[in-house]
Amino acid sequence: MPSTIEQMHKEFGPRGLAVLAVNIQEGRGVVAAWVKEKKVTSPVLLDRDGSVTAAYRVTATPTVVLIGRDGKMVGRAIGTRGWTSPAGRALLDALLQPPPR
């Protein structure tokens, strides 16, 4: 998953997609070492108290939450998905289109 997150961040980030990883187990030091070792450039949030997972009703990992331009959740996927596959890219492309006028 980290390589997929990083790939999505690099490919779609410049177009406005925010890709955030949320760590629910390890502390800041462990996460910082992992980020450095893996050369991760996408943001990694710490959620040791469970507030993020509760807000987005995350019950399993990995979970991907899709947030629309208006800041509201537009979708959620539990488990691994082919975000970098042609179908995954098409979905992300569609979500990144400007809203109709």
PDB file of N, CA and C in Angstrom:
ATOM      1  N   MET A   1       0.811  -1.207   0.000  1.00  0.00           N
ATOM      2  CA  MET A   1       0.000   0.000   0.000  1.00  0.00           C
ATOM      3  C   MET A   1       0.851   1.266   0.000  1.00  0.00           C
ATOM      4  N   PRO A   2       1.954   1.338   0.782  1.00  0.00           N
ATOM      5  CA  PRO A   2       2.710   2.592   0.767  1.00  0.00           C
ATOM      6  C   PRO A   2       3.162   3.000  -0.625  1.00  0.00           C
ATOM      7  N   SER A   3       3.604   2.040  -1.460  1.00  0.00           N
ATOM      8  CA  SER A   3       4.043   2.421  -2.801  1.00  0.00           C
ATOM      9  C   SER A   3       2.873   2.926  -3.629  1.00  0.00           C
ATOM     10  N   THR A   4       1.683   2.365  -3.441  1.00  0.00           N
ATOM     11  CA  THR A   4       0.492   2.838  -4.147  1.00  0.00           C
ATOM     12  C   THR A   4       0.135   4.245  -3.695  1.00  0.00           C
ATOM     13  N   ILE A   5       0.172   4.488  -2.391  1.00  0.00           N
ATOM     14  CA  ILE A   5      -0.123   5.822  -1.870  1.00  0.00           C
ATOM     15  C   ILE A   5       0.863   6.829  -2.438  1.00  0.00           C
ATOM     16  N   GLU A   6       2.121   6.472  -2.439  1.00  0.00           N
ATOM     17  CA  GLU A   6       3.161   7.376  -2.943  1.00  0.00           C
ATOM     18  C   GLU A   6       2.970   7.634  -4.435  1.00  0.00           C
ATOM     19  N   GLN A   7       2.642   6.594  -5.175  1.00  0.00           N
ATOM     20  CA  GLN A   7       2.419   6.745  -6.613  1.00  0.00           C
ATOM     21  C   GLN A   7       1.218   7.654  -6.879  1.00  0.00           C
ATOM     22  N   MET A   8       0.130   7.460  -6.143  1.00  0.00           N
ATOM     23  CA  MET A   8      -1.054   8.316  -6.307  1.00  0.00           C
ATOM     24  C   MET A   8      -0.721   9.757  -5.947  1.00  0.00           C
ATOM     25  N   HIS A   9       0.036   9.945  -4.873  1.00  0.00           N
ATOM     26  CA  HIS A   9       0.431  11.286  -4.431  1.00  0.00           C
ATOM     27  C   HIS A   9       1.227  11.997  -5.524  1.00  0.00           C
ATOM     28  N   LYS A  10       2.201  11.305  -6.096  1.00  0.00           N
ATOM     29  CA  LYS A  10       3.054  11.920  -7.115  1.00  0.00           C
ATOM     30  C   LYS A  10       2.298  12.176  -8.412  1.00  0.00           C
ATOM     31  N   GLU A  11       1.441  11.248  -8.800  1.00  0.00           N
ATOM     32  CA  GLU A  11       0.738  11.372 -10.076  1.00  0.00           C
ATOM     33  C   GLU A  11      -0.448  12.326 -10.022  1.00  0.00           C
ATOM     34  N   PHE A  12      -1.239  12.234  -8.957  1.00  0.00           N
ATOM     35  CA  PHE A  12      -2.479  13.005  -8.903  1.00  0.00           C
ATOM     36  C   PHE A  12      -2.416  14.217  -7.979  1.00  0.00           C
ATOM     37  N   GLY A  13      -1.413  14.282  -7.114  1.00  0.00           N
ATOM     38  CA  GLY A  13      -1.273  15.418  -6.205  1.00  0.00           C
ATOM     39  C   GLY A  13      -1.216  16.761  -6.913  1.00  0.00           C
ATOM     40  N   PRO A  14      -0.416  16.877  -7.984  1.00  0.00           N
ATOM     41  CA  PRO A  14      -0.363  18.155  -8.693  1.00  0.00           C
ATOM     42  C   PRO A  14      -1.704  18.571  -9.309  1.00  0.00           C
ATOM     43  N   ARG A  15      -2.608  17.616  -9.457  1.00  0.00           N
ATOM     44  CA  ARG A  15      -3.937  17.915 -10.018  1.00  0.00           C
ATOM     45  C   ARG A  15      -4.968  18.190  -8.935  1.00  0.00           C
ATOM     46  N   GLY A  16      -4.542  18.143  -7.671  1.00  0.00           N
ATOM     47  CA  GLY A  16      -5.449  18.501  -6.591  1.00  0.00           C
ATOM     48  C   GLY A  16      -5.874  17.366  -5.689  1.00  0.00           C
ATOM     49  N   LEU A  17      -5.386  16.148  -5.932  1.00  0.00           N
ATOM     50  CA  LEU A  17      -5.746  15.023  -5.069  1.00  0.00           C
ATOM     51  C   LEU A  17      -4.857  15.031  -3.832  1.00  0.00           C
ATOM     52  N   ALA A  18      -5.458  15.040  -2.674  1.00  0.00           N
ATOM     53  CA  ALA A  18      -4.704  14.928  -1.425  1.00  0.00           C
ATOM     54  C   ALA A  18      -4.684  13.463  -1.020  1.00  0.00           C
ATOM     55  N   VAL A  19      -3.510  12.907  -0.890  1.00  0.00           N
ATOM     56  CA  VAL A  19      -3.348  11.509  -0.511  1.00  0.00           C
ATOM     57  C   VAL A  19      -2.673  11.484   0.856  1.00  0.00           C
ATOM     58  N   LEU A  20      -3.397  11.009   1.846  1.00  0.00           N
ATOM     59  CA  LEU A  20      -2.893  10.980   3.214  1.00  0.00           C
ATOM     60  C   LEU A  20      -2.882   9.553   3.733  1.00  0.00           C
ATOM     61  N   ALA A  21      -1.788   9.143   4.311  1.00  0.00           N
ATOM     62  CA  ALA A  21      -1.740   7.862   5.009  1.00  0.00           C
ATOM     63  C   ALA A  21      -2.024   8.144   6.478  1.00  0.00           C
ATOM     64  N   VAL A  22      -2.742   7.245   7.118  1.00  0.00           N
ATOM     65  CA  VAL A  22      -3.049   7.406   8.539  1.00  0.00           C
ATOM     66  C   VAL A  22      -2.517   6.184   9.276  1.00  0.00           C
ATOM     67  N   ASN A  23      -1.598   6.405  10.195  1.00  0.00           N
ATOM     68  CA  ASN A  23      -1.048   5.323  10.999  1.00  0.00           C
ATOM     69  C   ASN A  23      -1.829   5.250  12.302  1.00  0.00           C
ATOM     70  N   ILE A  24      -2.337   4.061  12.615  1.00  0.00           N
ATOM     71  CA  ILE A  24      -3.176   3.911  13.808  1.00  0.00           C
ATOM     72  C   ILE A  24      -2.473   3.160  14.938  1.00  0.00           C
ATOM     73  N   GLN A  25      -1.221   2.757  14.724  1.00  0.00           N
ATOM     74  CA  GLN A  25      -0.566   1.925  15.730  1.00  0.00           C
ATOM     75  C   GLN A  25       0.699   2.533  16.302  1.00  0.00           C
ATOM     76  N   GLU A  26       1.658   2.837  15.449  1.00  0.00           N
ATOM     77  CA  GLU A  26       2.979   3.237  15.920  1.00  0.00           C
ATOM     78  C   GLU A  26       3.013   4.693  16.369  1.00  0.00           C
ATOM     79  N   GLY A  27       4.018   4.999  17.152  1.00  0.00           N
ATOM     80  CA  GLY A  27       4.233   6.361  17.615  1.00  0.00           C
ATOM     81  C   GLY A  27       5.019   7.186  16.611  1.00  0.00           C
ATOM     82  N   ARG A  28       5.188   8.447  16.931  1.00  0.00           N
ATOM     83  CA  ARG A  28       5.840   9.409  16.044  1.00  0.00           C
ATOM     84  C   ARG A  28       7.245   8.962  15.613  1.00  0.00           C
ATOM     85  N   GLY A  29       8.058   8.473  16.538  1.00  0.00           N
ATOM     86  CA  GLY A  29       9.430   8.081  16.212  1.00  0.00           C
ATOM     87  C   GLY A  29       9.498   6.937  15.215  1.00  0.00           C
ATOM     88  N   VAL A  30       8.679   5.925  15.419  1.00  0.00           N
ATOM     89  CA  VAL A  30       8.646   4.771  14.512  1.00  0.00           C
ATOM     90  C   VAL A  30       8.173   5.205  13.132  1.00  0.00           C
ATOM     91  N   VAL A  31       7.135   6.019  13.095  1.00  0.00           N
ATOM     92  CA  VAL A  31       6.593   6.485  11.812  1.00  0.00           C
ATOM     93  C   VAL A  31       7.616   7.360  11.091  1.00  0.00           C
ATOM     94  N   ALA A  32       8.277   8.255  11.813  1.00  0.00           N
ATOM     95  CA  ALA A  32       9.280   9.131  11.196  1.00  0.00           C
ATOM     96  C   ALA A  32      10.426   8.315  10.594  1.00  0.00           C
ATOM     97  N   ALA A  33      10.859   7.277  11.292  1.00  0.00           N
ATOM     98  CA  ALA A  33      11.929   6.420  10.776  1.00  0.00           C
ATOM     99  C   ALA A  33      11.472   5.687   9.520  1.00  0.00           C
ATOM    100  N   TRP A  34      10.232   5.197   9.519  1.00  0.00           N
ATOM    101  CA  TRP A  34       9.678   4.500   8.358  1.00  0.00           C
ATOM    102  C   TRP A  34       9.575   5.445   7.164  1.00  0.00           C
ATOM    103  N   VAL A  35       9.094   6.666   7.395  1.00  0.00           N
ATOM    104  CA  VAL A  35       8.967   7.664   6.323  1.00  0.00           C
ATOM    105  C   VAL A  35      10.338   7.944   5.709  1.00  0.00           C
ATOM    106  N   LYS A  36      11.339   8.086   6.550  1.00  0.00           N
ATOM    107  CA  LYS A  36      12.695   8.360   6.058  1.00  0.00           C
ATOM    108  C   LYS A  36      13.250   7.169   5.284  1.00  0.00           C
ATOM    109  N   GLU A  37      13.084   5.981   5.844  1.00  0.00           N
ATOM    110  CA  GLU A  37      13.607   4.765   5.201  1.00  0.00           C
ATOM    111  C   GLU A  37      12.966   4.531   3.839  1.00  0.00           C
ATOM    112  N   LYS A  38      11.657   4.713   3.761  1.00  0.00           N
ATOM    113  CA  LYS A  38      10.919   4.441   2.521  1.00  0.00           C
ATOM    114  C   LYS A  38      10.888   5.636   1.571  1.00  0.00           C
ATOM    115  N   LYS A  39      11.445   6.779   2.018  1.00  0.00           N
ATOM    116  CA  LYS A  39      11.458   8.005   1.219  1.00  0.00           C
ATOM    117  C   LYS A  39      10.043   8.444   0.833  1.00  0.00           C
ATOM    118  N   VAL A  40       9.145   8.375   1.800  1.00  0.00           N
ATOM    119  CA  VAL A  40       7.745   8.756   1.593  1.00  0.00           C
ATOM    120  C   VAL A  40       7.645  10.275   1.556  1.00  0.00           C
ATOM    121  N   THR A  41       6.971  10.800   0.531  1.00  0.00           N
ATOM    122  CA  THR A  41       6.780  12.252   0.421  1.00  0.00           C
ATOM    123  C   THR A  41       5.338  12.666   0.677  1.00  0.00           C
ATOM    124  N   SER A  42       4.417  11.711   0.687  1.00  0.00           N
ATOM    125  CA  SER A  42       3.016  12.039   0.978  1.00  0.00           C
ATOM    126  C   SER A  42       2.848  12.191   2.492  1.00  0.00           C
ATOM    127  N   PRO A  43       1.878  12.998   2.926  1.00  0.00           N
ATOM    128  CA  PRO A  43       1.676  13.197   4.364  1.00  0.00           C
ATOM    129  C   PRO A  43       1.250  11.904   5.072  1.00  0.00           C
ATOM    130  N   VAL A  44       1.761  11.709   6.274  1.00  0.00           N
ATOM    131  CA  VAL A  44       1.376  10.573   7.110  1.00  0.00           C
ATOM    132  C   VAL A  44       0.854  11.136   8.428  1.00  0.00           C
ATOM    133  N   LEU A  45      -0.398  10.846   8.732  1.00  0.00           N
ATOM    134  CA  LEU A  45      -1.019  11.326   9.961  1.00  0.00           C
ATOM    135  C   LEU A  45      -0.939  10.250  11.038  1.00  0.00           C
ATOM    136  N   LEU A  46      -0.862  10.674  12.277  1.00  0.00           N
ATOM    137  CA  LEU A  46      -0.880   9.749  13.409  1.00  0.00           C
ATOM    138  C   LEU A  46      -2.260   9.789  14.046  1.00  0.00           C
ATOM    139  N   ASP A  47      -2.815   8.616  14.316  1.00  0.00           N
ATOM    140  CA  ASP A  47      -4.158   8.543  14.902  1.00  0.00           C
ATOM    141  C   ASP A  47      -4.175   7.544  16.051  1.00  0.00           C
ATOM    142  N   ARG A  48      -3.314   7.746  17.015  1.00  0.00           N
ATOM    143  CA  ARG A  48      -3.224   6.817  18.145  1.00  0.00           C
ATOM    144  C   ARG A  48      -4.474   6.852  19.010  1.00  0.00           C
ATOM    145  N   ASP A  49      -5.204   7.991  19.017  1.00  0.00           N
ATOM    146  CA  ASP A  49      -6.401   8.090  19.863  1.00  0.00           C
ATOM    147  C   ASP A  49      -7.673   7.637  19.145  1.00  0.00           C
ATOM    148  N   GLY A  50      -7.577   7.325  17.843  1.00  0.00           N
ATOM    149  CA  GLY A  50      -8.730   6.817  17.106  1.00  0.00           C
ATOM    150  C   GLY A  50      -9.711   7.859  16.621  1.00  0.00           C
ATOM    151  N   SER A  51      -9.393   9.129  16.731  1.00  0.00           N
ATOM    152  CA  SER A  51     -10.354  10.166  16.331  1.00  0.00           C
ATOM    153  C   SER A  51     -10.592  10.196  14.823  1.00  0.00           C
ATOM    154  N   VAL A  52      -9.538   9.978  14.034  1.00  0.00           N
ATOM    155  CA  VAL A  52      -9.705   9.983  12.577  1.00  0.00           C
ATOM    156  C   VAL A  52     -10.480   8.747  12.137  1.00  0.00           C
ATOM    157  N   THR A  53     -10.115   7.587  12.674  1.00  0.00           N
ATOM    158  CA  THR A  53     -10.820   6.367  12.285  1.00  0.00           C
ATOM    159  C   THR A  53     -12.287   6.423  12.697  1.00  0.00           C
ATOM    160  N   ALA A  54     -12.582   7.030  13.818  1.00  0.00           N
ATOM    161  CA  ALA A  54     -13.979   7.167  14.244  1.00  0.00           C
ATOM    162  C   ALA A  54     -14.735   8.123  13.331  1.00  0.00           C
ATOM    163  N   ALA A  55     -14.114   9.228  12.976  1.00  0.00           N
ATOM    164  CA  ALA A  55     -14.783  10.230  12.137  1.00  0.00           C
ATOM    165  C   ALA A  55     -15.162   9.665  10.774  1.00  0.00           C
ATOM    166  N   TYR A  56     -14.312   8.789  10.221  1.00  0.00           N
ATOM    167  CA  TYR A  56     -14.576   8.227   8.894  1.00  0.00           C
ATOM    168  C   TYR A  56     -15.059   6.779   8.949  1.00  0.00           C
ATOM    169  N   ARG A  57     -15.436   6.318  10.130  1.00  0.00           N
ATOM    170  CA  ARG A  57     -15.997   4.979  10.328  1.00  0.00           C
ATOM    171  C   ARG A  57     -15.095   3.879   9.745  1.00  0.00           C
ATOM    172  N   VAL A  58     -13.822   3.980  10.027  1.00  0.00           N
ATOM    173  CA  VAL A  58     -12.866   2.984   9.562  1.00  0.00           C
ATOM    174  C   VAL A  58     -12.921   1.792  10.508  1.00  0.00           C
ATOM    175  N   THR A  59     -13.194   0.617   9.941  1.00  0.00           N
ATOM    176  CA  THR A  59     -13.311  -0.594  10.750  1.00  0.00           C
ATOM    177  C   THR A  59     -12.260  -1.641  10.400  1.00  0.00           C
ATOM    178  N   ALA A  60     -11.483  -1.394   9.343  1.00  0.00           N
ATOM    179  CA  ALA A  60     -10.456  -2.339   8.912  1.00  0.00           C
ATOM    180  C   ALA A  60      -9.364  -1.565   8.186  1.00  0.00           C
ATOM    181  N   THR A  61      -8.214  -2.210   8.071  1.00  0.00           N
ATOM    182  CA  THR A  61      -7.146  -1.596   7.293  1.00  0.00           C
ATOM    183  C   THR A  61      -6.722  -2.555   6.191  1.00  0.00           C
ATOM    184  N   PRO A  62      -6.380  -2.049   5.036  1.00  0.00           N
ATOM    185  CA  PRO A  62      -6.433  -0.636   4.688  1.00  0.00           C
ATOM    186  C   PRO A  62      -7.844  -0.190   4.338  1.00  0.00           C
ATOM    187  N   THR A  63      -8.129   1.054   4.591  1.00  0.00           N
ATOM    188  CA  THR A  63      -9.369   1.693   4.167  1.00  0.00           C
ATOM    189  C   THR A  63      -8.999   2.978   3.448  1.00  0.00           C
ATOM    190  N   VAL A  64      -9.611   3.208   2.315  1.00  0.00           N
ATOM    191  CA  VAL A  64      -9.418   4.451   1.567  1.00  0.00           C
ATOM    192  C   VAL A  64     -10.709   5.236   1.647  1.00  0.00           C
ATOM    193  N   VAL A  65     -10.603   6.487   2.045  1.00  0.00           N
ATOM    194  CA  VAL A  65     -11.753   7.383   2.118  1.00  0.00           C
ATOM    195  C   VAL A  65     -11.570   8.438   1.039  1.00  0.00           C
ATOM    196  N   LEU A  66     -12.580   8.595   0.197  1.00  0.00           N
ATOM    197  CA  LEU A  66     -12.531   9.595  -0.868  1.00  0.00           C
ATOM    198  C   LEU A  66     -13.334  10.808  -0.433  1.00  0.00           C
ATOM    199  N   ILE A  67     -12.681  11.957  -0.455  1.00  0.00           N
ATOM    200  CA  ILE A  67     -13.296  13.210  -0.036  1.00  0.00           C
ATOM    201  C   ILE A  67     -13.463  14.088  -1.266  1.00  0.00           C
ATOM    202  N   GLY A  68     -14.661  14.611  -1.472  1.00  0.00           N
ATOM    203  CA  GLY A  68     -14.925  15.475  -2.615  1.00  0.00           C
ATOM    204  C   GLY A  68     -14.368  16.870  -2.427  1.00  0.00           C
ATOM    205  N   ARG A  69     -14.464  17.671  -3.481  1.00  0.00           N
ATOM    206  CA  ARG A  69     -13.962  19.045  -3.445  1.00  0.00           C
ATOM    207  C   ARG A  69     -14.630  19.872  -2.357  1.00  0.00           C
ATOM    208  N   ASP A  70     -15.843  19.478  -1.978  1.00  0.00           N
ATOM    209  CA  ASP A  70     -16.573  20.224  -0.948  1.00  0.00           C
ATOM    210  C   ASP A  70     -16.190  19.787   0.467  1.00  0.00           C
ATOM    211  N   GLY A  71     -15.238  18.847   0.573  1.00  0.00           N
ATOM    212  CA  GLY A  71     -14.784  18.392   1.878  1.00  0.00           C
ATOM    213  C   GLY A  71     -15.613  17.270   2.471  1.00  0.00           C
ATOM    214  N   LYS A  72     -16.597  16.786   1.725  1.00  0.00           N
ATOM    215  CA  LYS A  72     -17.452  15.707   2.219  1.00  0.00           C
ATOM    216  C   LYS A  72     -17.016  14.370   1.628  1.00  0.00           C
ATOM    217  N   MET A  73     -17.227  13.307   2.409  1.00  0.00           N
ATOM    218  CA  MET A  73     -16.881  11.975   1.955  1.00  0.00           C
ATOM    219  C   MET A  73     -17.781  11.577   0.790  1.00  0.00           C
ATOM    220  N   VAL A  74     -17.146  11.142  -0.315  1.00  0.00           N
ATOM    221  CA  VAL A  74     -17.912  10.699  -1.478  1.00  0.00           C
ATOM    222  C   VAL A  74     -17.806   9.196  -1.686  1.00  0.00           C
ATOM    223  N   GLY A  75     -16.919   8.548  -0.957  1.00  0.00           N
ATOM    224  CA  GLY A  75     -16.792   7.109  -1.093  1.00  0.00           C
ATOM    225  C   GLY A  75     -15.784   6.545  -0.118  1.00  0.00           C
ATOM    226  N   ARG A  76     -15.859   5.230   0.033  1.00  0.00           N
ATOM    227  CA  ARG A  76     -14.938   4.545   0.942  1.00  0.00           C
ATOM    228  C   ARG A  76     -14.719   3.144   0.394  1.00  0.00           C
ATOM    229  N   ALA A  77     -13.477   2.687   0.443  1.00  0.00           N
ATOM    230  CA  ALA A  77     -13.146   1.343  -0.011  1.00  0.00           C
ATOM    231  C   ALA A  77     -12.357   0.644   1.085  1.00  0.00           C
ATOM    232  N   ILE A  78     -12.817  -0.527   1.470  1.00  0.00           N
ATOM    233  CA  ILE A  78     -12.122  -1.319   2.484  1.00  0.00           C
ATOM    234  C   ILE A  78     -11.345  -2.415   1.768  1.00  0.00           C
ATOM    235  N   GLY A  79     -10.080  -2.552   2.130  1.00  0.00           N
ATOM    236  CA  GLY A  79      -9.224  -3.535   1.483  1.00  0.00           C
ATOM    237  C   GLY A  79      -8.415  -2.903   0.367  1.00  0.00           C
ATOM    238  N   THR A  80      -7.529  -3.695  -0.192  1.00  0.00           N
ATOM    239  CA  THR A  80      -6.684  -3.170  -1.260  1.00  0.00           C
ATOM    240  C   THR A  80      -7.493  -3.014  -2.539  1.00  0.00           C
ATOM    241  N   ARG A  81      -7.136  -2.024  -3.300  1.00  0.00           N
ATOM    242  CA  ARG A  81      -7.800  -1.734  -4.575  1.00  0.00           C
ATOM    243  C   ARG A  81      -6.736  -1.393  -5.611  1.00  0.00           C
ATOM    244  N   GLY A  82      -7.117  -1.477  -6.847  1.00  0.00           N
ATOM    245  CA  GLY A  82      -6.204  -1.154  -7.942  1.00  0.00           C
ATOM    246  C   GLY A  82      -6.264   0.316  -8.311  1.00  0.00           C
ATOM    247  N   TRP A  83      -5.875   1.189  -7.388  1.00  0.00           N
ATOM    248  CA  TRP A  83      -5.969   2.630  -7.646  1.00  0.00           C
ATOM    249  C   TRP A  83      -5.097   3.069  -8.806  1.00  0.00           C
ATOM    250  N   THR A  84      -4.046   2.324  -9.099  1.00  0.00           N
ATOM    251  CA  THR A  84      -3.172   2.704 -10.203  1.00  0.00           C
ATOM    252  C   THR A  84      -3.485   1.918 -11.476  1.00  0.00           C
ATOM    253  N   SER A  85      -4.541   1.102 -11.443  1.00  0.00           N
ATOM    254  CA  SER A  85      -4.984   0.386 -12.637  1.00  0.00           C
ATOM    255  C   SER A  85      -5.719   1.364 -13.553  1.00  0.00           C
ATOM    256  N   PRO A  86      -5.979   0.994 -14.795  1.00  0.00           N
ATOM    257  CA  PRO A  86      -6.738   1.889 -15.678  1.00  0.00           C
ATOM    258  C   PRO A  86      -8.095   2.290 -15.089  1.00  0.00           C
ATOM    259  N   ALA A  87      -8.809   1.353 -14.473  1.00  0.00           N
ATOM    260  CA  ALA A  87     -10.121   1.684 -13.885  1.00  0.00           C
ATOM    261  C   ALA A  87      -9.962   2.621 -12.689  1.00  0.00           C
ATOM    262  N   GLY A  88      -8.961   2.374 -11.851  1.00  0.00           N
ATOM    263  CA  GLY A  88      -8.711   3.240 -10.700  1.00  0.00           C
ATOM    264  C   GLY A  88      -8.324   4.637 -11.127  1.00  0.00           C
ATOM    265  N   ARG A  89      -7.464   4.719 -12.124  1.00  0.00           N
ATOM    266  CA  ARG A  89      -7.060   6.033 -12.647  1.00  0.00           C
ATOM    267  C   ARG A  89      -8.252   6.766 -13.258  1.00  0.00           C
ATOM    268  N   ALA A  90      -9.113   6.026 -13.957  1.00  0.00           N
ATOM    269  CA  ALA A  90     -10.297   6.653 -14.564  1.00  0.00           C
ATOM    270  C   ALA A  90     -11.206   7.238 -13.486  1.00  0.00           C
ATOM    271  N   LEU A  91     -11.380   6.509 -12.384  1.00  0.00           N
ATOM    272  CA  LEU A  91     -12.202   7.016 -11.282  1.00  0.00           C
ATOM    273  C   LEU A  91     -11.589   8.284 -10.700  1.00  0.00           C
ATOM    274  N   LEU A  92     -10.298   8.258 -10.436  1.00  0.00           N
ATOM    275  CA  LEU A  92      -9.633   9.434  -9.877  1.00  0.00           C
ATOM    276  C   LEU A  92      -9.671  10.604 -10.859  1.00  0.00           C
ATOM    277  N   ASP A  93      -9.486  10.319 -12.145  1.00  0.00           N
ATOM    278  CA  ASP A  93      -9.596  11.378 -13.163  1.00  0.00           C
ATOM    279  C   ASP A  93     -10.975  12.019 -13.115  1.00  0.00           C
ATOM    280  N   ALA A  94     -12.014  11.187 -13.021  1.00  0.00           N
ATOM    281  CA  ALA A  94     -13.390  11.708 -12.982  1.00  0.00           C
ATOM    282  C   ALA A  94     -13.616  12.563 -11.740  1.00  0.00           C
ATOM    283  N   LEU A  95     -13.097  12.119 -10.611  1.00  0.00           N
ATOM    284  CA  LEU A  95     -13.279  12.877  -9.371  1.00  0.00           C
ATOM    285  C   LEU A  95     -12.522  14.204  -9.382  1.00  0.00           C
ATOM    286  N   LEU A  96     -11.467  14.275 -10.181  1.00  0.00           N
ATOM    287  CA  LEU A  96     -10.656  15.488 -10.235  1.00  0.00           C
ATOM    288  C   LEU A  96     -11.128  16.490 -11.287  1.00  0.00           C
ATOM    289  N   GLN A  97     -12.141  16.112 -12.047  1.00  0.00           N
ATOM    290  CA  GLN A  97     -12.665  17.048 -13.046  1.00  0.00           C
ATOM    291  C   GLN A  97     -13.300  18.242 -12.348  1.00  0.00           C
ATOM    292  N   PRO A  98     -13.172  19.427 -12.940  1.00  0.00           N
ATOM    293  CA  PRO A  98     -13.833  20.593 -12.340  1.00  0.00           C
ATOM    294  C   PRO A  98     -15.345  20.388 -12.331  1.00  0.00           C
ATOM    295  N   PRO A  99     -16.020  20.930 -11.332  1.00  0.00           N
ATOM    296  CA  PRO A  99     -17.475  20.784 -11.291  1.00  0.00           C
ATOM    297  C   PRO A  99     -18.119  21.481 -12.487  1.00  0.00           C
ATOM    298  N   PRO A 100     -19.249  20.944 -12.969  1.00  0.00           N
ATOM    299  CA  PRO A 100     -19.927  21.586 -14.102  1.00  0.00           C
ATOM    300  C   PRO A 100     -20.418  22.975 -13.707  1.00  0.00           C
ATOM    301  N   ARG A 101     -20.432  23.860 -14.673  1.00  0.00           N
ATOM    302  CA  ARG A 101     -20.875  25.238 -14.404  1.00  0.00           C
ATOM    303  C   ARG A 101     -22.332  25.394 -14.664  1.00  0.00           C
TER     304      ARG A 101
END
